[in-house]
Amino acid sequence: MKKVRTPYLLLLPGMGFLLIFFIIPIFNLAQTSTQTALGGGDTGQYEQTFRFANYVDAFVENREQFARSFVYAIIATALALLIAYPLAYAIAFKGGRLKNVMLVLVVAPFFTSFLLRTIAWKQILGEEGFVVPPLRALGIISQSTTLTSSSIAVVAGMTYNFLPFMTLPLYASIDRIDPRTLEASGDLYANGFTTFRKVTLPLSMPGVVAGTLLTFIPAAGDYVNAAILGSPQTKMLGNVIESRYFRIVDYPTAAALSFTLMAAILILVTIYVRRAGTEELV
């Protein structure tokens, strides 16, 4: 009987943590999202009226930021995948004795504050950085064009900050591929591109799916990059939620936006995973 109870007892700390720091806050967020201001004024005090129209009003009022959040997240995820896949492939198959060192370099940015890394990108893309002057010298951008306070800066910051989340799952998946499988493909007269398309990519799909999810989900709700690297014209939904909570003190709208964002991400992730054929990752 004790052996039967042991697994459940081991689960208690984790379940307690989820209950206190996830389930209870979610329920509190849900009940906050249907409240209205006392007296209908801007008093900062609210009562429960089960006004589900808060969701419609919040979405209609902030639909531009809602769409922008997902567009930026999709672009950043695609760029991170294009950068991380060759990197993970090189570490897995060409790293040799330096494999562990290269993996440490991938996670090394985590040793620095997320805010500091984002502020550093503001300096890199600034007028005195080493990106803008060469681009102007080559005629790629005009003398009046700036990269800071733009969508380019926001997407670049998101891509950089979430790149390790893409690289590590890809490496773990590619590293498990047996090199003899690739050699067998060559023995069957497949060229390098065909081997990649028919063998390497399908076998690494679990890593691709895991990496894109780990990148897209936090990127869609991010607000730090847009706040530091962007402008009022590049505000994302996370910035609106932060403003509603801490500046405007409109808790019902902020809660409704949070739930809408979570629901949209969940729907998109479910569709993506099913289309990718890796339902076991969910």
Protein backbone atom coordinates (compact mmCIF):
# COMPACT_ATOMS: atom_id res chain seq x y z
CA MET A 1 0.00 0.00 0.00
CA LYS A 2 2.87 2.36 0.82
CA LYS A 3 4.41 1.74 -2.62
CA VAL A 4 1.14 2.78 -4.24
CA ARG A 5 1.00 6.04 -2.27
CA THR A 6 4.65 6.99 -2.76
CA PRO A 7 4.31 8.41 -6.32
CA TYR A 8 1.36 10.56 -5.24
CA LEU A 9 3.25 11.84 -2.19
CA LEU A 10 6.16 12.79 -4.45
CA LEU A 11 3.75 14.76 -6.63
CA LEU A 12 2.41 16.82 -3.73
CA PRO A 13 5.14 19.54 -3.70
CA GLY A 14 4.83 20.13 -7.43
CA MET A 15 1.03 20.10 -7.35
CA GLY A 16 1.06 22.50 -4.41
CA PHE A 17 3.35 24.85 -6.28
CA LEU A 18 1.06 24.79 -9.35
CA LEU A 19 -2.00 25.34 -7.19
CA ILE A 20 -0.58 28.36 -5.36
CA PHE A 21 1.29 30.06 -8.18
CA PHE A 22 -0.74 29.08 -11.26
CA ILE A 23 -4.26 27.76 -10.68
CA ILE A 24 -5.30 30.23 -7.96
CA PRO A 25 -3.92 33.26 -9.89
CA ILE A 26 -5.70 32.04 -13.03
CA PHE A 27 -9.04 31.86 -11.20
CA ASN A 28 -8.41 35.29 -9.70
CA LEU A 29 -7.62 36.64 -13.17
CA ALA A 30 -10.81 35.09 -14.53
CA GLN A 31 -13.05 36.67 -11.93
CA THR A 32 -11.30 40.03 -12.33
CA SER A 33 -11.89 40.03 -16.09
CA THR A 34 -15.69 40.23 -15.67
CA GLN A 35 -15.77 43.06 -13.12
CA THR A 36 -16.88 46.65 -13.66
CA ALA A 37 -15.95 49.88 -11.91
CA LEU A 38 -18.01 50.86 -8.89
CA GLY A 39 -20.52 53.49 -9.86
CA GLY A 40 -19.37 53.25 -13.47
CA GLY A 41 -16.61 55.75 -12.80
CA ASP A 42 -12.83 55.68 -12.85
CA THR A 43 -12.41 55.03 -9.12
CA GLY A 44 -9.98 52.11 -9.23
CA GLN A 45 -12.49 50.00 -7.31
CA TYR A 46 -14.42 47.21 -8.99
CA GLU A 47 -17.32 44.86 -8.32
CA GLN A 48 -18.22 41.50 -9.83
CA THR A 49 -20.97 41.94 -12.44
CA PHE A 50 -20.05 39.06 -14.79
CA ARG A 51 -19.74 41.47 -17.69
CA PHE A 52 -18.31 39.23 -20.42
CA ALA A 53 -18.52 42.13 -22.83
CA ASN A 54 -15.21 43.22 -21.32
CA TYR A 55 -13.54 40.67 -23.60
CA VAL A 56 -15.15 42.09 -26.73
CA ASP A 57 -14.42 45.69 -25.74
CA ALA A 58 -10.80 44.91 -24.84
CA PHE A 59 -10.18 43.06 -28.11
CA VAL A 60 -11.82 45.67 -30.34
CA GLU A 61 -10.00 48.53 -28.62
CA ASN A 62 -6.58 46.83 -28.86
CA ARG A 63 -6.89 44.69 -31.98
CA GLU A 64 -3.97 46.49 -33.63
CA GLN A 65 -1.59 45.64 -30.78
CA PHE A 66 -3.04 42.12 -30.69
CA ALA A 67 -2.22 41.53 -34.36
CA ARG A 68 1.18 43.20 -34.03
CA SER A 69 2.15 40.90 -31.16
CA PHE A 70 1.58 37.78 -33.23
CA VAL A 71 3.18 39.20 -36.36
CA TYR A 72 6.33 40.16 -34.45
CA ALA A 73 6.38 36.81 -32.64
CA ILE A 74 6.04 34.84 -35.89
CA ILE A 75 8.81 36.83 -37.60
CA ALA A 76 11.12 36.51 -34.59
CA THR A 77 10.44 32.77 -34.38
CA ALA A 78 11.15 32.27 -38.09
CA LEU A 79 14.40 34.26 -37.87
CA ALA A 80 15.47 32.36 -34.75
CA LEU A 81 14.82 29.06 -36.55
CA LEU A 82 16.88 30.13 -39.58
CA ILE A 83 19.78 31.12 -37.32
CA ALA A 84 19.54 28.32 -34.76
CA TYR A 85 19.19 25.33 -37.09
CA PRO A 86 22.61 25.67 -38.80
CA LEU A 87 24.13 26.49 -35.42
CA ALA A 88 22.62 23.44 -33.73
CA TYR A 89 23.60 21.25 -36.70
CA ALA A 90 27.19 22.48 -36.55
CA ILE A 91 27.42 21.88 -32.80
CA ALA A 92 25.94 18.39 -33.06
CA PHE A 93 27.91 17.09 -36.05
CA LYS A 94 30.97 19.35 -36.29
CA GLY A 95 31.56 20.44 -32.72
CA GLY A 96 33.91 17.62 -31.76
CA ARG A 97 35.83 18.39 -28.59
CA LEU A 98 34.48 21.93 -28.57
CA LYS A 99 30.86 20.80 -28.40
CA ASN A 100 30.46 21.52 -24.69
CA VAL A 101 32.20 24.89 -25.03
CA MET A 102 29.86 25.87 -27.85
CA LEU A 103 26.83 24.87 -25.80
CA VAL A 104 28.07 27.02 -22.92
CA LEU A 105 28.40 29.94 -25.34
CA VAL A 106 24.79 29.41 -26.44
CA VAL A 107 23.48 29.71 -22.88
CA ALA A 108 26.05 32.32 -21.78
CA PRO A 109 23.65 35.25 -22.46
CA PHE A 110 21.43 33.89 -19.67
CA PHE A 111 24.18 34.86 -17.21
CA THR A 112 23.32 38.51 -17.96
CA SER A 113 20.08 40.24 -17.09
CA PHE A 114 17.36 40.19 -19.77
CA LEU A 115 17.02 43.96 -19.37
CA LEU A 116 20.74 44.60 -19.79
CA ARG A 117 20.86 42.50 -22.95
CA THR A 118 17.93 44.44 -24.40
CA ILE A 119 19.46 47.80 -23.49
CA ALA A 120 22.69 46.64 -25.15
CA TRP A 121 20.77 46.13 -28.38
CA LYS A 122 19.54 49.72 -28.14
CA GLN A 123 23.17 50.82 -28.14
CA ILE A 124 24.15 48.40 -30.92
CA LEU A 125 21.39 49.69 -33.21
CA GLY A 126 21.86 53.32 -32.18
CA GLU A 127 23.51 56.12 -34.10
CA GLU A 128 26.87 55.43 -32.47
CA GLY A 129 26.64 51.64 -32.86
CA PHE A 130 28.44 49.48 -35.39
CA VAL A 131 25.34 48.61 -37.46
CA VAL A 132 23.86 51.88 -38.68
CA PRO A 133 27.07 53.61 -39.99
CA PRO A 134 28.10 50.68 -42.27
CA LEU A 135 24.54 50.35 -43.60
CA ARG A 136 24.51 54.04 -44.43
CA ALA A 137 27.95 53.86 -46.01
CA LEU A 138 26.78 51.00 -48.24
CA GLY A 139 23.63 52.89 -49.18
CA ILE A 140 21.33 50.23 -47.74
CA ILE A 141 19.59 52.82 -45.56
CA SER A 142 19.38 56.58 -45.98
CA GLN A 143 21.18 59.07 -43.78
CA SER A 144 17.90 59.95 -42.04
CA THR A 145 16.87 56.34 -41.33
CA THR A 146 17.28 55.05 -37.80
CA LEU A 147 16.88 51.51 -36.49
CA THR A 148 16.06 52.28 -32.89
CA SER A 149 12.43 52.91 -31.92
CA SER A 150 11.34 50.78 -34.87
CA SER A 151 9.77 47.41 -35.55
CA ILE A 152 13.14 46.19 -36.87
CA ALA A 153 14.75 46.84 -33.50
CA VAL A 154 11.92 45.13 -31.62
CA VAL A 155 12.05 42.00 -33.79
CA ALA A 156 15.86 41.93 -33.64
CA GLY A 157 15.79 42.12 -29.86
CA MET A 158 13.18 39.38 -29.59
CA THR A 159 15.11 37.14 -31.97
CA TYR A 160 18.33 37.56 -30.02
CA ASN A 161 16.81 37.18 -26.55
CA PHE A 162 14.89 34.01 -27.40
CA LEU A 163 17.51 32.41 -29.66
CA PRO A 164 18.81 29.98 -26.97
CA PHE A 165 15.26 28.66 -26.49
CA MET A 166 15.33 27.66 -30.16
CA THR A 167 18.90 26.38 -30.30
CA LEU A 168 18.91 23.98 -27.35
CA PRO A 169 15.88 21.84 -28.36
CA LEU A 170 17.18 21.72 -31.93
CA TYR A 171 20.58 20.57 -30.75
CA ALA A 172 19.07 17.89 -28.50
CA SER A 173 17.02 16.57 -31.41
CA ILE A 174 19.77 16.71 -34.06
CA ASP A 175 22.36 15.20 -31.74
CA ARG A 176 20.23 12.05 -31.44
CA ILE A 177 20.33 11.45 -35.20
CA ASP A 178 22.57 8.50 -36.02
CA PRO A 179 25.25 9.69 -38.50
CA ARG A 180 25.06 6.27 -40.14
CA THR A 181 21.55 7.20 -41.31
CA LEU A 182 22.97 10.14 -43.21
CA GLU A 183 25.73 7.96 -44.63
CA ALA A 184 23.13 5.42 -45.79
CA SER A 185 21.29 8.21 -47.59
CA GLY A 186 24.50 9.07 -49.44
CA ASP A 187 25.03 5.42 -50.32
CA LEU A 188 21.61 5.53 -51.98
CA TYR A 189 22.88 8.35 -54.23
CA ALA A 190 21.07 11.17 -52.42
CA ASN A 191 22.81 14.53 -52.58
CA GLY A 192 23.26 16.79 -49.58
CA PHE A 193 20.01 18.72 -50.05
CA THR A 194 17.96 15.56 -50.55
CA THR A 195 19.52 14.00 -47.44
CA PHE A 196 18.62 17.08 -45.43
CA ARG A 197 15.05 17.23 -46.79
CA LYS A 198 14.29 13.51 -46.57
CA VAL A 199 16.31 12.43 -43.52
CA THR A 200 17.73 15.18 -41.31
CA LEU A 201 14.77 17.53 -41.22
CA PRO A 202 12.08 14.87 -40.55
CA LEU A 203 14.18 13.31 -37.78
CA SER A 204 14.76 16.71 -36.18
CA MET A 205 11.10 17.81 -36.33
CA PRO A 206 10.49 17.25 -32.59
CA GLY A 207 13.25 19.75 -31.90
CA VAL A 208 11.88 22.18 -34.49
CA VAL A 209 8.41 22.04 -32.94
CA ALA A 210 9.70 22.32 -29.37
CA GLY A 211 12.02 25.19 -30.27
CA THR A 212 9.38 27.17 -32.16
CA LEU A 213 6.93 26.77 -29.28
CA LEU A 214 9.50 27.82 -26.67
CA THR A 215 10.27 30.88 -28.79
CA PHE A 216 6.84 31.88 -30.05
CA ILE A 217 4.93 31.62 -26.76
CA PRO A 218 7.09 34.03 -24.71
CA ALA A 219 7.65 36.27 -27.76
CA ALA A 220 3.91 36.77 -28.25
CA GLY A 221 3.51 37.99 -24.68
CA ASP A 222 6.75 39.96 -24.51
CA TYR A 223 6.69 43.66 -23.66
CA VAL A 224 10.27 44.43 -22.60
CA ASN A 225 11.72 44.55 -26.12
CA ALA A 226 8.89 46.75 -27.41
CA ALA A 227 9.20 49.05 -24.39
CA ILE A 228 12.96 49.54 -24.68
CA LEU A 229 13.63 49.16 -28.41
CA GLY A 230 10.32 50.32 -29.83
CA SER A 231 8.06 53.35 -29.89
CA PRO A 232 4.33 54.01 -29.31
CA GLN A 233 3.78 52.80 -32.87
CA THR A 234 5.32 49.38 -32.09
CA LYS A 235 3.48 48.65 -28.85
CA MET A 236 2.55 45.00 -28.36
CA LEU A 237 -0.27 43.51 -26.33
CA GLY A 238 2.06 42.91 -23.40
CA ASN A 239 2.73 46.65 -23.23
CA VAL A 240 -1.01 47.35 -23.16
CA ILE A 241 -1.56 44.82 -20.37
CA GLU A 242 1.33 46.28 -18.35
CA SER A 243 -0.03 49.79 -18.83
CA ARG A 244 -3.57 48.79 -17.86
CA TYR A 245 -2.36 47.09 -14.69
CA PHE A 246 0.20 49.54 -13.36
CA ARG A 247 -0.58 52.95 -14.92
CA ILE A 248 -4.24 53.21 -15.88
CA VAL A 249 -5.29 50.73 -13.13
CA ASP A 250 -7.94 49.14 -15.34
CA TYR A 251 -7.78 45.61 -13.94
CA PRO A 252 -10.80 44.10 -15.80
CA THR A 253 -9.49 45.14 -19.22
CA ALA A 254 -5.98 43.96 -18.39
CA ALA A 255 -7.31 40.60 -17.17
CA ALA A 256 -9.55 40.20 -20.23
CA LEU A 257 -6.62 40.94 -22.54
CA SER A 258 -4.45 38.43 -20.67
CA PHE A 259 -7.05 35.69 -21.05
CA THR A 260 -7.62 36.54 -24.70
CA LEU A 261 -3.88 36.34 -25.36
CA MET A 262 -3.57 33.00 -23.55
CA ALA A 263 -6.55 31.56 -25.43
CA ALA A 264 -5.22 32.71 -28.81
CA ILE A 265 -1.77 31.26 -28.10
CA LEU A 266 -3.29 27.96 -26.94
CA ILE A 267 -5.41 27.67 -30.10
CA LEU A 268 -2.51 28.48 -32.41
CA VAL A 269 -0.16 26.10 -30.60
CA THR A 270 -2.70 23.25 -30.74
CA ILE A 271 -3.26 23.75 -34.47
CA TYR A 272 0.48 23.99 -35.12
CA VAL A 273 1.36 20.86 -33.16
CA ARG A 274 -1.38 18.83 -34.84
CA ARG A 275 -0.32 20.00 -38.28
CA ALA A 276 3.30 19.19 -37.46
CA GLY A 277 2.30 15.66 -36.45
CA THR A 278 3.97 15.78 -33.03
CA GLU A 279 0.95 15.71 -30.70
CA GLU A 280 3.01 13.87 -28.10
CA LEU A 281 4.86 17.13 -27.33
CA VAL A 282 1.70 18.71 -25.91
